Amino acid sequence: MQLSLIDLIGILGVIIIIIGYMLLQLGKMDASDLSFSVLNTFGAFLIIISLLYDWNLASFIMEFTWMMISLYGILKYYKRKKREENAVKNDGEED
């Protein structure tokens, strides 16, 4: 069996998602960390690229959903960060 570049891209996506999940389970990363959501988004994106060349609807639905949830995690991270910055800014103004 010879792997194509597209296969390697999909495999890299799988490895990235597995690394993120492994780091989460080992306590080296928190689910609310930006890096966790970025790893999942990027990994799912790479898998989607491979699926566009070797179509599988069920896998596409899974990876697309995984990527959308991870993008939501990124958005949530930045909203929380902005709230924290505003809270610190407002605390500084009261002094």
N, C-alpha and C. Protein backbone atom coordinates (compact mmCIF):
# COMPACT_ATOMS: atom_id res chain seq x y z
N MET A 1 0.84 -1.18 0.00
CA MET A 1 0.00 0.00 0.00
C MET A 1 0.88 1.24 0.00
N GLN A 2 0.62 2.10 -0.94
CA GLN A 2 1.38 3.34 -1.04
C GLN A 2 0.48 4.51 -0.64
N LEU A 3 0.99 5.34 0.26
CA LEU A 3 0.21 6.48 0.74
C LEU A 3 0.45 7.68 -0.15
N SER A 4 -0.64 8.36 -0.47
CA SER A 4 -0.54 9.59 -1.25
C SER A 4 -0.33 10.77 -0.30
N LEU A 5 -0.04 11.92 -0.87
CA LEU A 5 0.10 13.14 -0.08
C LEU A 5 -1.20 13.43 0.67
N ILE A 6 -2.32 13.20 0.03
CA ILE A 6 -3.63 13.44 0.65
C ILE A 6 -3.82 12.52 1.85
N ASP A 7 -3.42 11.24 1.70
CA ASP A 7 -3.49 10.31 2.83
C ASP A 7 -2.64 10.80 3.99
N LEU A 8 -1.45 11.28 3.69
CA LEU A 8 -0.55 11.77 4.74
C LEU A 8 -1.12 13.00 5.44
N ILE A 9 -1.78 13.86 4.69
CA ILE A 9 -2.43 15.03 5.29
C ILE A 9 -3.51 14.58 6.27
N GLY A 10 -4.34 13.62 5.87
CA GLY A 10 -5.38 13.09 6.76
C GLY A 10 -4.79 12.43 7.99
N ILE A 11 -3.74 11.65 7.80
CA ILE A 11 -3.08 10.98 8.93
C ILE A 11 -2.49 12.01 9.89
N LEU A 12 -1.89 13.07 9.36
CA LEU A 12 -1.36 14.15 10.21
C LEU A 12 -2.49 14.77 11.03
N GLY A 13 -3.64 14.97 10.41
CA GLY A 13 -4.80 15.51 11.14
C GLY A 13 -5.21 14.60 12.29
N VAL A 14 -5.23 13.30 12.03
CA VAL A 14 -5.57 12.34 13.08
C VAL A 14 -4.55 12.40 14.22
N ILE A 15 -3.28 12.46 13.87
CA ILE A 15 -2.21 12.52 14.88
C ILE A 15 -2.36 13.77 15.74
N ILE A 16 -2.66 14.89 15.11
CA ILE A 16 -2.82 16.15 15.85
C ILE A 16 -3.98 16.06 16.84
N ILE A 17 -5.11 15.51 16.41
CA ILE A 17 -6.26 15.37 17.31
C ILE A 17 -5.93 14.41 18.45
N ILE A 18 -5.26 13.32 18.14
CA ILE A 18 -4.88 12.35 19.18
C ILE A 18 -3.92 12.97 20.19
N ILE A 19 -2.97 13.75 19.72
CA ILE A 19 -2.03 14.42 20.63
C ILE A 19 -2.79 15.36 21.57
N GLY A 20 -3.71 16.14 21.02
CA GLY A 20 -4.51 17.04 21.86
C GLY A 20 -5.28 16.29 22.92
N TYR A 21 -5.92 15.20 22.52
CA TYR A 21 -6.71 14.42 23.46
C TYR A 21 -5.82 13.75 24.51
N MET A 22 -4.66 13.26 24.07
CA MET A 22 -3.73 12.62 25.00
C MET A 22 -3.23 13.64 26.04
N LEU A 23 -2.87 14.84 25.58
CA LEU A 23 -2.41 15.88 26.50
C LEU A 23 -3.52 16.27 27.48
N LEU A 24 -4.74 16.29 27.02
CA LEU A 24 -5.88 16.58 27.90
C LEU A 24 -5.98 15.50 28.97
N GLN A 25 -5.94 14.24 28.58
CA GLN A 25 -6.08 13.14 29.53
C GLN A 25 -4.91 13.04 30.50
N LEU A 26 -3.72 13.45 30.06
CA LEU A 26 -2.54 13.43 30.93
C LEU A 26 -2.50 14.64 31.86
N GLY A 27 -3.44 15.55 31.71
CA GLY A 27 -3.48 16.74 32.56
C GLY A 27 -2.47 17.79 32.15
N LYS A 28 -1.91 17.68 30.95
CA LYS A 28 -0.93 18.65 30.45
C LYS A 28 -1.60 19.81 29.73
N MET A 29 -2.91 19.66 29.51
CA MET A 29 -3.66 20.68 28.80
C MET A 29 -5.07 20.67 29.37
N ASP A 30 -5.69 21.83 29.39
CA ASP A 30 -7.06 21.95 29.88
C ASP A 30 -7.99 22.10 28.68
N ALA A 31 -9.18 21.58 28.77
CA ALA A 31 -10.14 21.65 27.67
C ALA A 31 -10.50 23.10 27.32
N SER A 32 -10.33 24.02 28.25
CA SER A 32 -10.64 25.42 27.97
C SER A 32 -9.43 26.18 27.42
N ASP A 33 -8.28 25.51 27.31
CA ASP A 33 -7.09 26.14 26.73
C ASP A 33 -7.31 26.41 25.25
N LEU A 34 -6.78 27.52 24.79
CA LEU A 34 -6.84 27.85 23.36
C LEU A 34 -6.14 26.77 22.54
N SER A 35 -5.03 26.27 23.02
CA SER A 35 -4.26 25.28 22.27
C SER A 35 -5.06 24.01 22.01
N PHE A 36 -5.90 23.60 22.93
CA PHE A 36 -6.70 22.39 22.74
C PHE A 36 -7.68 22.58 21.58
N SER A 37 -8.36 23.71 21.55
CA SER A 37 -9.31 23.98 20.47
C SER A 37 -8.60 24.17 19.13
N VAL A 38 -7.44 24.80 19.15
CA VAL A 38 -6.69 25.00 17.91
C VAL A 38 -6.22 23.67 17.35
N LEU A 39 -5.69 22.80 18.21
CA LEU A 39 -5.27 21.47 17.74
C LEU A 39 -6.44 20.72 17.12
N ASN A 40 -7.58 20.73 17.78
CA ASN A 40 -8.75 20.03 17.26
C ASN A 40 -9.24 20.63 15.95
N THR A 41 -9.26 21.94 15.85
CA THR A 41 -9.70 22.60 14.62
C THR A 41 -8.78 22.26 13.47
N PHE A 42 -7.48 22.38 13.70
CA PHE A 42 -6.50 22.13 12.64
C PHE A 42 -6.50 20.66 12.23
N GLY A 43 -6.56 19.77 13.21
CA GLY A 43 -6.59 18.34 12.91
C GLY A 43 -7.81 17.97 12.09
N ALA A 44 -8.98 18.45 12.49
CA ALA A 44 -10.22 18.16 11.76
C ALA A 44 -10.17 18.75 10.36
N PHE A 45 -9.60 19.94 10.21
CA PHE A 45 -9.46 20.57 8.90
C PHE A 45 -8.61 19.70 7.97
N LEU A 46 -7.50 19.19 8.48
CA LEU A 46 -6.65 18.34 7.65
C LEU A 46 -7.36 17.05 7.25
N ILE A 47 -8.12 16.48 8.17
CA ILE A 47 -8.89 15.27 7.84
C ILE A 47 -9.94 15.60 6.78
N ILE A 48 -10.58 16.74 6.89
CA ILE A 48 -11.57 17.15 5.89
C ILE A 48 -10.93 17.28 4.52
N ILE A 49 -9.73 17.84 4.46
CA ILE A 49 -9.03 17.94 3.18
C ILE A 49 -8.87 16.56 2.56
N SER A 50 -8.44 15.59 3.36
CA SER A 50 -8.26 14.24 2.82
C SER A 50 -9.60 13.63 2.39
N LEU A 51 -10.68 13.96 3.11
CA LEU A 51 -11.99 13.42 2.76
C LEU A 51 -12.54 14.00 1.46
N LEU A 52 -12.10 15.18 1.11
CA LEU A 52 -12.55 15.78 -0.15
C LEU A 52 -12.01 15.00 -1.34
N TYR A 53 -10.91 14.28 -1.16
CA TYR A 53 -10.33 13.47 -2.22
C TYR A 53 -10.76 12.01 -2.16
N ASP A 54 -11.12 11.56 -0.98
CA ASP A 54 -11.58 10.18 -0.80
C ASP A 54 -12.84 10.25 0.07
N TRP A 55 -13.96 10.57 -0.58
CA TRP A 55 -15.20 10.95 0.09
C TRP A 55 -15.77 9.86 0.98
N ASN A 56 -16.18 10.29 2.18
CA ASN A 56 -16.92 9.45 3.11
C ASN A 56 -17.84 10.39 3.88
N LEU A 57 -19.12 10.34 3.59
CA LEU A 57 -20.07 11.30 4.15
C LEU A 57 -20.09 11.26 5.68
N ALA A 58 -20.13 10.07 6.25
CA ALA A 58 -20.20 9.96 7.71
C ALA A 58 -18.96 10.59 8.36
N SER A 59 -17.81 10.32 7.82
CA SER A 59 -16.57 10.89 8.37
C SER A 59 -16.54 12.41 8.18
N PHE A 60 -17.03 12.87 7.02
CA PHE A 60 -17.07 14.31 6.79
C PHE A 60 -17.98 15.00 7.81
N ILE A 61 -19.15 14.43 8.05
CA ILE A 61 -20.07 15.02 9.04
C ILE A 61 -19.41 15.07 10.41
N MET A 62 -18.73 13.99 10.79
CA MET A 62 -18.06 13.94 12.08
C MET A 62 -16.97 15.01 12.18
N GLU A 63 -16.11 15.10 11.19
CA GLU A 63 -15.00 16.05 11.24
C GLU A 63 -15.47 17.49 11.12
N PHE A 64 -16.49 17.73 10.29
CA PHE A 64 -17.02 19.08 10.17
C PHE A 64 -17.62 19.54 11.50
N THR A 65 -18.37 18.65 12.13
CA THR A 65 -18.96 18.96 13.44
C THR A 65 -17.87 19.19 14.47
N TRP A 66 -16.86 18.33 14.48
CA TRP A 66 -15.72 18.46 15.40
C TRP A 66 -15.03 19.81 15.22
N MET A 67 -14.85 20.21 13.96
CA MET A 67 -14.19 21.48 13.67
C MET A 67 -15.06 22.66 14.12
N MET A 68 -16.37 22.59 13.90
CA MET A 68 -17.26 23.68 14.30
C MET A 68 -17.30 23.84 15.82
N ILE A 69 -17.35 22.73 16.53
CA ILE A 69 -17.33 22.78 17.99
C ILE A 69 -16.01 23.37 18.48
N SER A 70 -14.91 22.99 17.85
CA SER A 70 -13.60 23.52 18.23
C SER A 70 -13.48 25.00 17.92
N LEU A 71 -14.05 25.43 16.79
CA LEU A 71 -14.05 26.86 16.47
C LEU A 71 -14.88 27.63 17.50
N TYR A 72 -15.96 27.05 17.96
CA TYR A 72 -16.75 27.64 19.04
C TYR A 72 -15.88 27.77 20.30
N GLY A 73 -15.08 26.76 20.59
CA GLY A 73 -14.17 26.82 21.74
C GLY A 73 -13.17 27.96 21.61
N ILE A 74 -12.67 28.20 20.40
CA ILE A 74 -11.74 29.31 20.17
C ILE A 74 -12.45 30.63 20.41
N LEU A 75 -13.65 30.77 19.86
CA LEU A 75 -14.44 31.99 20.05
C LEU A 75 -14.72 32.22 21.53
N LYS A 76 -15.11 31.18 22.22
CA LYS A 76 -15.40 31.27 23.65
C LYS A 76 -14.16 31.69 24.44
N TYR A 77 -12.99 31.16 24.06
CA TYR A 77 -11.73 31.52 24.71
C TYR A 77 -11.48 33.04 24.58
N TYR A 78 -11.63 33.57 23.37
CA TYR A 78 -11.36 34.99 23.16
C TYR A 78 -12.40 35.88 23.84
N LYS A 79 -13.64 35.44 23.90
CA LYS A 79 -14.66 36.21 24.62
C LYS A 79 -14.33 36.25 26.11
N ARG A 80 -13.92 35.11 26.67
CA ARG A 80 -13.55 35.05 28.08
C ARG A 80 -12.34 35.94 28.35
N LYS A 81 -11.36 35.91 27.46
CA LYS A 81 -10.15 36.71 27.61
C LYS A 81 -10.50 38.20 27.60
N LYS A 82 -11.38 38.58 26.69
CA LYS A 82 -11.79 39.98 26.61
C LYS A 82 -12.53 40.42 27.87
N ARG A 83 -13.41 39.53 28.39
CA ARG A 83 -14.13 39.83 29.64
C ARG A 83 -13.15 40.02 30.79
N GLU A 84 -12.14 39.16 30.86
CA GLU A 84 -11.14 39.26 31.93
C GLU A 84 -10.34 40.54 31.82
N GLU A 85 -9.97 40.91 30.59
CA GLU A 85 -9.22 42.15 30.38
C GLU A 85 -10.06 43.37 30.78
N ASN A 86 -11.34 43.34 30.43
CA ASN A 86 -12.24 44.44 30.80
C ASN A 86 -12.41 44.52 32.32
N ALA A 87 -12.48 43.37 32.98
CA ALA A 87 -12.62 43.35 34.44
C ALA A 87 -11.38 43.94 35.09
N VAL A 88 -10.20 43.58 34.59
CA VAL A 88 -8.95 44.12 35.14
C VAL A 88 -8.88 45.62 34.87
N LYS A 89 -9.28 46.03 33.68
CA LYS A 89 -9.26 47.44 33.32
C LYS A 89 -10.22 48.23 34.23
N ASN A 90 -11.40 47.69 34.44
CA ASN A 90 -12.39 48.36 35.30
C ASN A 90 -11.95 48.39 36.76
N ASP A 91 -11.28 47.35 37.22
CA ASP A 91 -10.75 47.34 38.59
C ASP A 91 -9.68 48.41 38.76
N GLY A 92 -8.88 48.61 37.73
CA GLY A 92 -7.83 49.62 37.77
C GLY A 92 -8.37 51.02 37.79
N GLU A 93 -9.50 51.25 37.17
CA GLU A 93 -10.11 52.58 37.11
C GLU A 93 -10.76 52.96 38.44
N GLU A 94 -11.14 51.97 39.25
CA GLU A 94 -11.81 52.26 40.51
C GLU A 94 -10.82 52.71 41.59
N ASP A 95 -9.55 52.40 41.40
CA ASP A 95 -8.55 52.76 42.43
C ASP A 95 -8.29 54.21 42.54
